[in-house]
PDB file of N, CA and C in Angstrom:
ATOM      1  N   MET A   1       4.517   8.231  19.996  1.00  0.00           N
ATOM      2  CA  MET A   1       5.461   7.724  19.009  1.00  0.00           C
ATOM      3  C   MET A   1       5.126   8.326  17.642  1.00  0.00           C
ATOM      4  N   GLY A   2       6.135   8.751  16.890  1.00  0.00           N
ATOM      5  CA  GLY A   2       5.918   9.403  15.607  1.00  0.00           C
ATOM      6  C   GLY A   2       5.572   8.433  14.499  1.00  0.00           C
ATOM      7  N   LYS A   3       4.966   8.966  13.492  1.00  0.00           N
ATOM      8  CA  LYS A   3       4.593   8.173  12.325  1.00  0.00           C
ATOM      9  C   LYS A   3       5.794   8.042  11.396  1.00  0.00           C
ATOM     10  N   GLU A   4       5.813   6.939  10.656  1.00  0.00           N
ATOM     11  CA  GLU A   4       6.847   6.701   9.662  1.00  0.00           C
ATOM     12  C   GLU A   4       6.191   6.265   8.365  1.00  0.00           C
ATOM     13  N   ARG A   5       7.005   6.196   7.313  1.00  0.00           N
ATOM     14  CA  ARG A   5       6.523   5.744   6.002  1.00  0.00           C
ATOM     15  C   ARG A   5       7.407   4.606   5.527  1.00  0.00           C
ATOM     16  N   ALA A   6       6.776   3.560   5.028  1.00  0.00           N
ATOM     17  CA  ALA A   6       7.499   2.457   4.396  1.00  0.00           C
ATOM     18  C   ALA A   6       7.096   2.409   2.925  1.00  0.00           C
ATOM     19  N   HIS A   7       8.107   2.439   2.058  1.00  0.00           N
ATOM     20  CA  HIS A   7       7.891   2.279   0.618  1.00  0.00           C
ATOM     21  C   HIS A   7       8.328   0.846   0.305  1.00  0.00           C
ATOM     22  N   ILE A   8       7.357   0.017  -0.071  1.00  0.00           N
ATOM     23  CA  ILE A   8       7.566  -1.426  -0.191  1.00  0.00           C
ATOM     24  C   ILE A   8       7.359  -1.859  -1.643  1.00  0.00           C
ATOM     25  N   VAL A   9       8.250  -2.712  -2.138  1.00  0.00           N
ATOM     26  CA  VAL A   9       8.063  -3.337  -3.445  1.00  0.00           C
ATOM     27  C   VAL A   9       8.142  -4.846  -3.227  1.00  0.00           C
ATOM     28  N   VAL A  10       7.105  -5.550  -3.709  1.00  0.00           N
ATOM     29  CA  VAL A  10       7.003  -6.989  -3.504  1.00  0.00           C
ATOM     30  C   VAL A  10       7.185  -7.688  -4.851  1.00  0.00           C
ATOM     31  N   TYR A  11       8.102  -8.654  -4.886  1.00  0.00           N
ATOM     32  CA  TYR A  11       8.441  -9.389  -6.105  1.00  0.00           C
ATOM     33  C   TYR A  11       7.936 -10.823  -6.022  1.00  0.00           C
ATOM     34  N   GLY A  12       7.728 -11.423  -7.193  1.00  0.00           N
ATOM     35  CA  GLY A  12       7.289 -12.814  -7.266  1.00  0.00           C
ATOM     36  C   GLY A  12       5.975 -12.910  -8.014  1.00  0.00           C
ATOM     37  N   ARG A  13       5.221 -13.954  -7.712  1.00  0.00           N
ATOM     38  CA  ARG A  13       3.879 -14.108  -8.306  1.00  0.00           C
ATOM     39  C   ARG A  13       2.914 -13.356  -7.400  1.00  0.00           C
ATOM     40  N   VAL A  14       2.791 -12.062  -7.671  1.00  0.00           N
ATOM     41  CA  VAL A  14       2.030 -11.201  -6.774  1.00  0.00           C
ATOM     42  C   VAL A  14       0.922 -10.418  -7.480  1.00  0.00           C
ATOM     43  N   GLN A  15       0.771 -10.643  -8.771  1.00  0.00           N
ATOM     44  CA  GLN A  15      -0.343 -10.030  -9.490  1.00  0.00           C
ATOM     45  C   GLN A  15      -1.307 -11.128  -9.921  1.00  0.00           C
ATOM     46  N   GLY A  16      -2.595 -10.811  -9.887  1.00  0.00           N
ATOM     47  CA  GLY A  16      -3.608 -11.794 -10.255  1.00  0.00           C
ATOM     48  C   GLY A  16      -3.912 -12.780  -9.141  1.00  0.00           C
ATOM     49  N   VAL A  17      -3.486 -12.458  -7.913  1.00  0.00           N
ATOM     50  CA  VAL A  17      -3.711 -13.355  -6.765  1.00  0.00           C
ATOM     51  C   VAL A  17      -4.360 -12.607  -5.595  1.00  0.00           C
ATOM     52  N   PHE A  18      -4.998 -11.482  -5.906  1.00  0.00           N
ATOM     53  CA  PHE A  18      -5.674 -10.645  -4.901  1.00  0.00           C
ATOM     54  C   PHE A  18      -4.708 -10.016  -3.896  1.00  0.00           C
ATOM     55  N   PHE A  19      -3.466  -9.777  -4.334  1.00  0.00           N
ATOM     56  CA  PHE A  19      -2.486  -9.184  -3.435  1.00  0.00           C
ATOM     57  C   PHE A  19      -2.893  -7.776  -3.025  1.00  0.00           C
ATOM     58  N   ARG A  20      -3.327  -6.967  -3.999  1.00  0.00           N
ATOM     59  CA  ARG A  20      -3.705  -5.584  -3.672  1.00  0.00           C
ATOM     60  C   ARG A  20      -4.870  -5.530  -2.695  1.00  0.00           C
ATOM     61  N   ALA A  21      -5.915  -6.279  -2.969  1.00  0.00           N
ATOM     62  CA  ALA A  21      -7.085  -6.263  -2.090  1.00  0.00           C
ATOM     63  C   ALA A  21      -6.731  -6.782  -0.699  1.00  0.00           C
ATOM     64  N   SER A  22      -5.908  -7.806  -0.645  1.00  0.00           N
ATOM     65  CA  SER A  22      -5.504  -8.359   0.646  1.00  0.00           C
ATOM     66  C   SER A  22      -4.599  -7.392   1.404  1.00  0.00           C
ATOM     67  N   ALA A  23      -3.709  -6.706   0.678  1.00  0.00           N
ATOM     68  CA  ALA A  23      -2.832  -5.716   1.312  1.00  0.00           C
ATOM     69  C   ALA A  23      -3.650  -4.545   1.847  1.00  0.00           C
ATOM     70  N   GLU A  24      -4.650  -4.124   1.078  1.00  0.00           N
ATOM     71  CA  GLU A  24      -5.523  -3.042   1.532  1.00  0.00           C
ATOM     72  C   GLU A  24      -6.238  -3.446   2.823  1.00  0.00           C
ATOM     73  N   GLU A  25      -6.763  -4.658   2.846  1.00  0.00           N
ATOM     74  CA  GLU A  25      -7.463  -5.150   4.034  1.00  0.00           C
ATOM     75  C   GLU A  25      -6.525  -5.204   5.243  1.00  0.00           C
ATOM     76  N   LYS A  26      -5.311  -5.720   5.034  1.00  0.00           N
ATOM     77  CA  LYS A  26      -4.345  -5.832   6.130  1.00  0.00           C
ATOM     78  C   LYS A  26      -3.936  -4.454   6.636  1.00  0.00           C
ATOM     79  N   ALA A  27      -3.645  -3.536   5.728  1.00  0.00           N
ATOM     80  CA  ALA A  27      -3.227  -2.190   6.121  1.00  0.00           C
ATOM     81  C   ALA A  27      -4.314  -1.478   6.911  1.00  0.00           C
ATOM     82  N   ARG A  28      -5.551  -1.616   6.464  1.00  0.00           N
ATOM     83  CA  ARG A  28      -6.667  -0.980   7.185  1.00  0.00           C
ATOM     84  C   ARG A  28      -6.840  -1.604   8.569  1.00  0.00           C
ATOM     85  N   GLU A  29      -6.692  -2.926   8.635  1.00  0.00           N
ATOM     86  CA  GLU A  29      -6.780  -3.636   9.918  1.00  0.00           C
ATOM     87  C   GLU A  29      -5.712  -3.110  10.894  1.00  0.00           C
ATOM     88  N   LEU A  30      -4.542  -2.757  10.366  1.00  0.00           N
ATOM     89  CA  LEU A  30      -3.437  -2.261  11.185  1.00  0.00           C
ATOM     90  C   LEU A  30      -3.513  -0.755  11.439  1.00  0.00           C
ATOM     91  N   GLY A  31      -4.504  -0.087  10.854  1.00  0.00           N
ATOM     92  CA  GLY A  31      -4.665   1.348  11.061  1.00  0.00           C
ATOM     93  C   GLY A  31      -3.689   2.197  10.269  1.00  0.00           C
ATOM     94  N   LEU A  32      -3.211   1.657   9.142  1.00  0.00           N
ATOM     95  CA  LEU A  32      -2.244   2.381   8.310  1.00  0.00           C
ATOM     96  C   LEU A  32      -2.960   3.163   7.216  1.00  0.00           C
ATOM     97  N   THR A  33      -2.287   4.164   6.691  1.00  0.00           N
ATOM     98  CA  THR A  33      -2.789   4.920   5.549  1.00  0.00           C
ATOM     99  C   THR A  33      -1.793   4.786   4.405  1.00  0.00           C
ATOM    100  N   GLY A  34      -2.257   5.062   3.181  1.00  0.00           N
ATOM    101  CA  GLY A  34      -1.376   4.987   2.019  1.00  0.00           C
ATOM    102  C   GLY A  34      -2.081   4.349   0.845  1.00  0.00           C
ATOM    103  N   TRP A  35      -1.305   3.602   0.048  1.00  0.00           N
ATOM    104  CA  TRP A  35      -1.880   2.976  -1.140  1.00  0.00           C
ATOM    105  C   TRP A  35      -1.078   1.756  -1.575  1.00  0.00           C
ATOM    106  N   VAL A  36      -1.695   0.959  -2.445  1.00  0.00           N
ATOM    107  CA  VAL A  36      -1.060  -0.202  -3.060  1.00  0.00           C
ATOM    108  C   VAL A  36      -1.418  -0.193  -4.537  1.00  0.00           C
ATOM    109  N   ARG A  37      -0.493  -0.632  -5.384  1.00  0.00           N
ATOM    110  CA  ARG A  37      -0.782  -0.708  -6.816  1.00  0.00           C
ATOM    111  C   ARG A  37       0.082  -1.774  -7.482  1.00  0.00           C
ATOM    112  N   ASN A  38      -0.405  -2.289  -8.618  1.00  0.00           N
ATOM    113  CA  ASN A  38       0.395  -3.157  -9.471  1.00  0.00           C
ATOM    114  C   ASN A  38       1.295  -2.278 -10.318  1.00  0.00           C
ATOM    115  N   ARG A  39       2.521  -2.742 -10.545  1.00  0.00           N
ATOM    116  CA  ARG A  39       3.423  -2.028 -11.450  1.00  0.00           C
ATOM    117  C   ARG A  39       3.570  -2.835 -12.734  1.00  0.00           C
ATOM    118  N   SER A  40       3.937  -2.159 -13.796  1.00  0.00           N
ATOM    119  CA  SER A  40       4.014  -2.807 -15.106  1.00  0.00           C
ATOM    120  C   SER A  40       5.078  -3.899 -15.168  1.00  0.00           C
ATOM    121  N   ASP A  41       6.030  -3.904 -14.232  1.00  0.00           N
ATOM    122  CA  ASP A  41       7.079  -4.929 -14.229  1.00  0.00           C
ATOM    123  C   ASP A  41       6.668  -6.200 -13.486  1.00  0.00           C
ATOM    124  N   GLY A  42       5.399  -6.288 -13.057  1.00  0.00           N
ATOM    125  CA  GLY A  42       4.911  -7.486 -12.394  1.00  0.00           C
ATOM    126  C   GLY A  42       5.017  -7.458 -10.878  1.00  0.00           C
ATOM    127  N   THR A  43       5.548  -6.375 -10.332  1.00  0.00           N
ATOM    128  CA  THR A  43       5.655  -6.247  -8.879  1.00  0.00           C
ATOM    129  C   THR A  43       4.441  -5.516  -8.323  1.00  0.00           C
ATOM    130  N   VAL A  44       4.337  -5.517  -6.997  1.00  0.00           N
ATOM    131  CA  VAL A  44       3.326  -4.736  -6.302  1.00  0.00           C
ATOM    132  C   VAL A  44       4.056  -3.708  -5.454  1.00  0.00           C
ATOM    133  N   GLU A  45       3.598  -2.465  -5.532  1.00  0.00           N
ATOM    134  CA  GLU A  45       4.202  -1.360  -4.790  1.00  0.00           C
ATOM    135  C   GLU A  45       3.228  -0.885  -3.718  1.00  0.00           C
ATOM    136  N   ILE A  46       3.761  -0.652  -2.529  1.00  0.00           N
ATOM    137  CA  ILE A  46       2.961  -0.173  -1.407  1.00  0.00           C
ATOM    138  C   ILE A  46       3.663   1.016  -0.770  1.00  0.00           C
ATOM    139  N   VAL A  47       2.908   2.051  -0.506  1.00  0.00           N
ATOM    140  CA  VAL A  47       3.391   3.161   0.316  1.00  0.00           C
ATOM    141  C   VAL A  47       2.442   3.225   1.503  1.00  0.00           C
ATOM    142  N   ALA A  48       2.988   3.024   2.697  1.00  0.00           N
ATOM    143  CA  ALA A  48       2.151   2.986   3.894  1.00  0.00           C
ATOM    144  C   ALA A  48       2.740   3.869   4.981  1.00  0.00           C
ATOM    145  N   GLU A  49       1.861   4.537   5.713  1.00  0.00           N
ATOM    146  CA  GLU A  49       2.277   5.377   6.832  1.00  0.00           C
ATOM    147  C   GLU A  49       1.557   4.950   8.101  1.00  0.00           C
ATOM    148  N   GLY A  50       2.268   5.079   9.207  1.00  0.00           N
ATOM    149  CA  GLY A  50       1.693   4.750  10.503  1.00  0.00           C
ATOM    150  C   GLY A  50       2.789   4.513  11.518  1.00  0.00           C
ATOM    151  N   ASP A  51       2.434   3.881  12.615  1.00  0.00           N
ATOM    152  CA  ASP A  51       3.416   3.550  13.639  1.00  0.00           C
ATOM    153  C   ASP A  51       4.358   2.466  13.123  1.00  0.00           C
ATOM    154  N   ARG A  52       5.623   2.554  13.504  1.00  0.00           N
ATOM    155  CA  ARG A  52       6.636   1.609  13.023  1.00  0.00           C
ATOM    156  C   ARG A  52       6.223   0.151  13.292  1.00  0.00           C
ATOM    157  N   GLU A  53       5.695  -0.114  14.469  1.00  0.00           N
ATOM    158  CA  GLU A  53       5.315  -1.481  14.833  1.00  0.00           C
ATOM    159  C   GLU A  53       4.268  -2.036  13.876  1.00  0.00           C
ATOM    160  N   GLU A  54       3.286  -1.219  13.510  1.00  0.00           N
ATOM    161  CA  GLU A  54       2.240  -1.661  12.586  1.00  0.00           C
ATOM    162  C   GLU A  54       2.794  -1.812  11.165  1.00  0.00           C
ATOM    163  N   LEU A  55       3.696  -0.920  10.777  1.00  0.00           N
ATOM    164  CA  LEU A  55       4.329  -1.039   9.461  1.00  0.00           C
ATOM    165  C   LEU A  55       5.146  -2.324   9.376  1.00  0.00           C
ATOM    166  N   GLU A  56       5.848  -2.671  10.440  1.00  0.00           N
ATOM    167  CA  GLU A  56       6.628  -3.912  10.476  1.00  0.00           C
ATOM    168  C   GLU A  56       5.714  -5.124  10.307  1.00  0.00           C
ATOM    169  N   LYS A  57       4.516  -5.060  10.889  1.00  0.00           N
ATOM    170  CA  LYS A  57       3.548  -6.155  10.735  1.00  0.00           C
ATOM    171  C   LYS A  57       3.108  -6.275   9.278  1.00  0.00           C
ATOM    172  N   LEU A  58       2.881  -5.141   8.621  1.00  0.00           N
ATOM    173  CA  LEU A  58       2.513  -5.175   7.200  1.00  0.00           C
ATOM    174  C   LEU A  58       3.654  -5.754   6.372  1.00  0.00           C
ATOM    175  N   ILE A  59       4.869  -5.345   6.659  1.00  0.00           N
ATOM    176  CA  ILE A  59       6.035  -5.857   5.920  1.00  0.00           C
ATOM    177  C   ILE A  59       6.158  -7.366   6.110  1.00  0.00           C
ATOM    178  N   SER A  60       5.984  -7.842   7.330  1.00  0.00           N
ATOM    179  CA  SER A  60       6.031  -9.292   7.582  1.00  0.00           C
ATOM    180  C   SER A  60       4.960 -10.005   6.771  1.00  0.00           C
ATOM    181  N   TRP A  61       3.753  -9.425   6.733  1.00  0.00           N
ATOM    182  CA  TRP A  61       2.676 -10.011   5.945  1.00  0.00           C
ATOM    183  C   TRP A  61       3.052 -10.053   4.465  1.00  0.00           C
ATOM    184  N   CYS A  62       3.720  -9.015   3.978  1.00  0.00           N
ATOM    185  CA  CYS A  62       4.097  -8.943   2.559  1.00  0.00           C
ATOM    186  C   CYS A  62       5.019 -10.089   2.142  1.00  0.00           C
ATOM    187  N   HIS A  63       5.792 -10.629   3.060  1.00  0.00           N
ATOM    188  CA  HIS A  63       6.682 -11.744   2.740  1.00  0.00           C
ATOM    189  C   HIS A  63       5.895 -13.024   2.436  1.00  0.00           C
ATOM    190  N   ILE A  64       4.626 -13.048   2.837  1.00  0.00           N
ATOM    191  CA  ILE A  64       3.773 -14.216   2.607  1.00  0.00           C
ATOM    192  C   ILE A  64       2.671 -13.877   1.609  1.00  0.00           C
ATOM    193  N   GLY A  65       1.943 -12.795   1.877  1.00  0.00           N
ATOM    194  CA  GLY A  65       0.858 -12.365   1.004  1.00  0.00           C
ATOM    195  C   GLY A  65      -0.348 -13.274   1.102  1.00  0.00           C
ATOM    196  N   PRO A  66      -1.293 -13.112   0.173  1.00  0.00           N
ATOM    197  CA  PRO A  66      -2.496 -13.952   0.177  1.00  0.00           C
ATOM    198  C   PRO A  66      -2.175 -15.379  -0.275  1.00  0.00           C
ATOM    199  N   LYS A  67      -3.152 -16.230  -0.173  1.00  0.00           N
ATOM    200  CA  LYS A  67      -3.003 -17.669  -0.379  1.00  0.00           C
ATOM    201  C   LYS A  67      -2.226 -18.077  -1.638  1.00  0.00           C
ATOM    202  N   HIS A  68      -2.536 -17.504  -2.780  1.00  0.00           N
ATOM    203  CA  HIS A  68      -1.933 -17.964  -4.037  1.00  0.00           C
ATOM    204  C   HIS A  68      -0.688 -17.180  -4.447  1.00  0.00           C
ATOM    205  N   ALA A  69      -0.278 -16.234  -3.640  1.00  0.00           N
ATOM    206  CA  ALA A  69       0.940 -15.468  -3.949  1.00  0.00           C
ATOM    207  C   ALA A  69       2.176 -16.318  -3.687  1.00  0.00           C
ATOM    208  N   ARG A  70       3.230 -16.024  -4.429  1.00  0.00           N
ATOM    209  CA  ARG A  70       4.531 -16.652  -4.211  1.00  0.00           C
ATOM    210  C   ARG A  70       5.560 -15.518  -4.178  1.00  0.00           C
ATOM    211  N   VAL A  71       5.806 -15.008  -2.995  1.00  0.00           N
ATOM    212  CA  VAL A  71       6.700 -13.864  -2.832  1.00  0.00           C
ATOM    213  C   VAL A  71       8.147 -14.337  -2.854  1.00  0.00           C
ATOM    214  N   THR A  72       8.962 -13.697  -3.693  1.00  0.00           N
ATOM    215  CA  THR A  72      10.381 -14.056  -3.766  1.00  0.00           C
ATOM    216  C   THR A  72      11.279 -13.024  -3.098  1.00  0.00           C
ATOM    217  N   ARG A  73      10.802 -11.777  -3.009  1.00  0.00           N
ATOM    218  CA  ARG A  73      11.625 -10.719  -2.415  1.00  0.00           C
ATOM    219  C   ARG A  73      10.739  -9.549  -2.013  1.00  0.00           C
ATOM    220  N   VAL A  74      11.104  -8.898  -0.914  1.00  0.00           N
ATOM    221  CA  VAL A  74      10.420  -7.690  -0.468  1.00  0.00           C
ATOM    222  C   VAL A  74      11.482  -6.636  -0.189  1.00  0.00           C
ATOM    223  N   GLU A  75      11.381  -5.508  -0.865  1.00  0.00           N
ATOM    224  CA  GLU A  75      12.307  -4.389  -0.631  1.00  0.00           C
ATOM    225  C   GLU A  75      11.568  -3.297   0.126  1.00  0.00           C
ATOM    226  N   VAL A  76      12.224  -2.737   1.129  1.00  0.00           N
ATOM    227  CA  VAL A  76      11.611  -1.685   1.947  1.00  0.00           C
ATOM    228  C   VAL A  76      12.569  -0.508   2.057  1.00  0.00           C
ATOM    229  N   VAL A  77      12.050   0.677   1.815  1.00  0.00           N
ATOM    230  CA  VAL A  77      12.790   1.917   2.050  1.00  0.00           C
ATOM    231  C   VAL A  77      12.003   2.719   3.074  1.00  0.00           C
ATOM    232  N   TRP A  78      12.653   3.061   4.170  1.00  0.00           N
ATOM    233  CA  TRP A  78      12.006   3.863   5.219  1.00  0.00           C
ATOM    234  C   TRP A  78      12.169   5.332   4.888  1.00  0.00           C
ATOM    235  N   GLU A  79      11.086   6.079   5.031  1.00  0.00           N
ATOM    236  CA  GLU A  79      11.076   7.510   4.727  1.00  0.00           C
ATOM    237  C   GLU A  79      10.323   8.239   5.829  1.00  0.00           C
ATOM    238  N   PRO A  80      10.465   9.552   5.911  1.00  0.00           N
ATOM    239  CA  PRO A  80       9.659  10.308   6.870  1.00  0.00           C
ATOM    240  C   PRO A  80       8.200  10.323   6.415  1.00  0.00           C
ATOM    241  N   ALA A  81       7.290  10.213   7.348  1.00  0.00           N
ATOM    242  CA  ALA A  81       5.861  10.290   7.022  1.00  0.00           C
ATOM    243  C   ALA A  81       5.514  11.719   6.612  1.00  0.00           C
ATOM    244  N   THR A  82       4.579  11.837   5.681  1.00  0.00           N
ATOM    245  CA  THR A  82       4.137  13.155   5.234  1.00  0.00           C
ATOM    246  C   THR A  82       2.747  13.498   5.757  1.00  0.00           C
ATOM    247  N   GLY A  83       1.988  12.471   6.164  1.00  0.00           N
ATOM    248  CA  GLY A  83       0.630  12.699   6.637  1.00  0.00           C
ATOM    249  C   GLY A  83      -0.357  13.046   5.536  1.00  0.00           C
ATOM    250  N   GLU A  84       0.008  12.758   4.285  1.00  0.00           N
ATOM    251  CA  GLU A  84      -0.827  13.164   3.147  1.00  0.00           C
ATOM    252  C   GLU A  84      -2.034  12.260   2.900  1.00  0.00           C
ATOM    253  N   PHE A  85      -2.074  11.077   3.517  1.00  0.00           N
ATOM    254  CA  PHE A  85      -3.144  10.122   3.229  1.00  0.00           C
ATOM    255  C   PHE A  85      -4.208  10.136   4.313  1.00  0.00           C
ATOM    256  N   LEU A  86      -5.459   9.993   3.901  1.00  0.00           N
ATOM    257  CA  LEU A  86      -6.575   9.930   4.841  1.00  0.00           C
ATOM    258  C   LEU A  86      -6.950   8.491   5.175  1.00  0.00           C
ATOM    259  N   ASP A  87      -6.703   7.580   4.218  1.00  0.00           N
ATOM    260  CA  ASP A  87      -7.020   6.175   4.416  1.00  0.00           C
ATOM    261  C   ASP A  87      -6.078   5.335   3.566  1.00  0.00           C
ATOM    262  N   PHE A  88      -6.379   4.059   3.394  1.00  0.00           N
ATOM    263  CA  PHE A  88      -5.539   3.186   2.574  1.00  0.00           C
ATOM    264  C   PHE A  88      -6.365   2.732   1.381  1.00  0.00           C
ATOM    265  N   THR A  89      -5.834   2.913   0.177  1.00  0.00           N
ATOM    266  CA  THR A  89      -6.583   2.645  -1.043  1.00  0.00           C
ATOM    267  C   THR A  89      -5.774   1.834  -2.049  1.00  0.00           C
ATOM    268  N   ILE A  90      -6.485   1.283  -3.013  1.00  0.00           N
ATOM    269  CA  ILE A  90      -5.864   0.647  -4.168  1.00  0.00           C
ATOM    270  C   ILE A  90      -5.783   1.676  -5.282  1.00  0.00           C
ATOM    271  N   ARG A  91      -4.595   1.828  -5.845  1.00  0.00           N
ATOM    272  CA  ARG A  91      -4.422   2.735  -6.986  1.00  0.00           C
ATOM    273  C   ARG A  91      -4.419   1.897  -8.264  1.00  0.00           C
ATOM    274  N   TYR A  92      -4.999   2.451  -9.310  1.00  0.00           N
ATOM    275  CA  TYR A  92      -5.104   1.736 -10.582  1.00  0.00           C
ATOM    276  C   TYR A  92      -4.336   2.444 -11.689  1.00  0.00           C
ATOM    277  N   ASP A  93      -3.237   3.086 -11.344  1.00  0.00           N
ATOM    278  CA  ASP A  93      -2.447   3.775 -12.370  1.00  0.00           C
ATOM    279  C   ASP A  93      -1.171   3.037 -12.683  1.00  0.00           C
TER     280      ASP A  93
END
């Protein structure tokens, strides 16, 4: 089965609640590669690559997030995988 890419933006109370660290842990557990970062508008952005089934699991997790998160919306854009990532990391830009 081919790899895919999901570009995810998570809205709500998702900064300051360990969303990035928890997303990194979940993505690594699922064997995905890519990155997660906070955006200046208060959202969290994730770019993840891997098998569609594992990406769907990450997306489902994003609707809930870590304990203190309050997710109001999750947007997903499916793209072709590029294979550019070696692992899953937190970006601080």
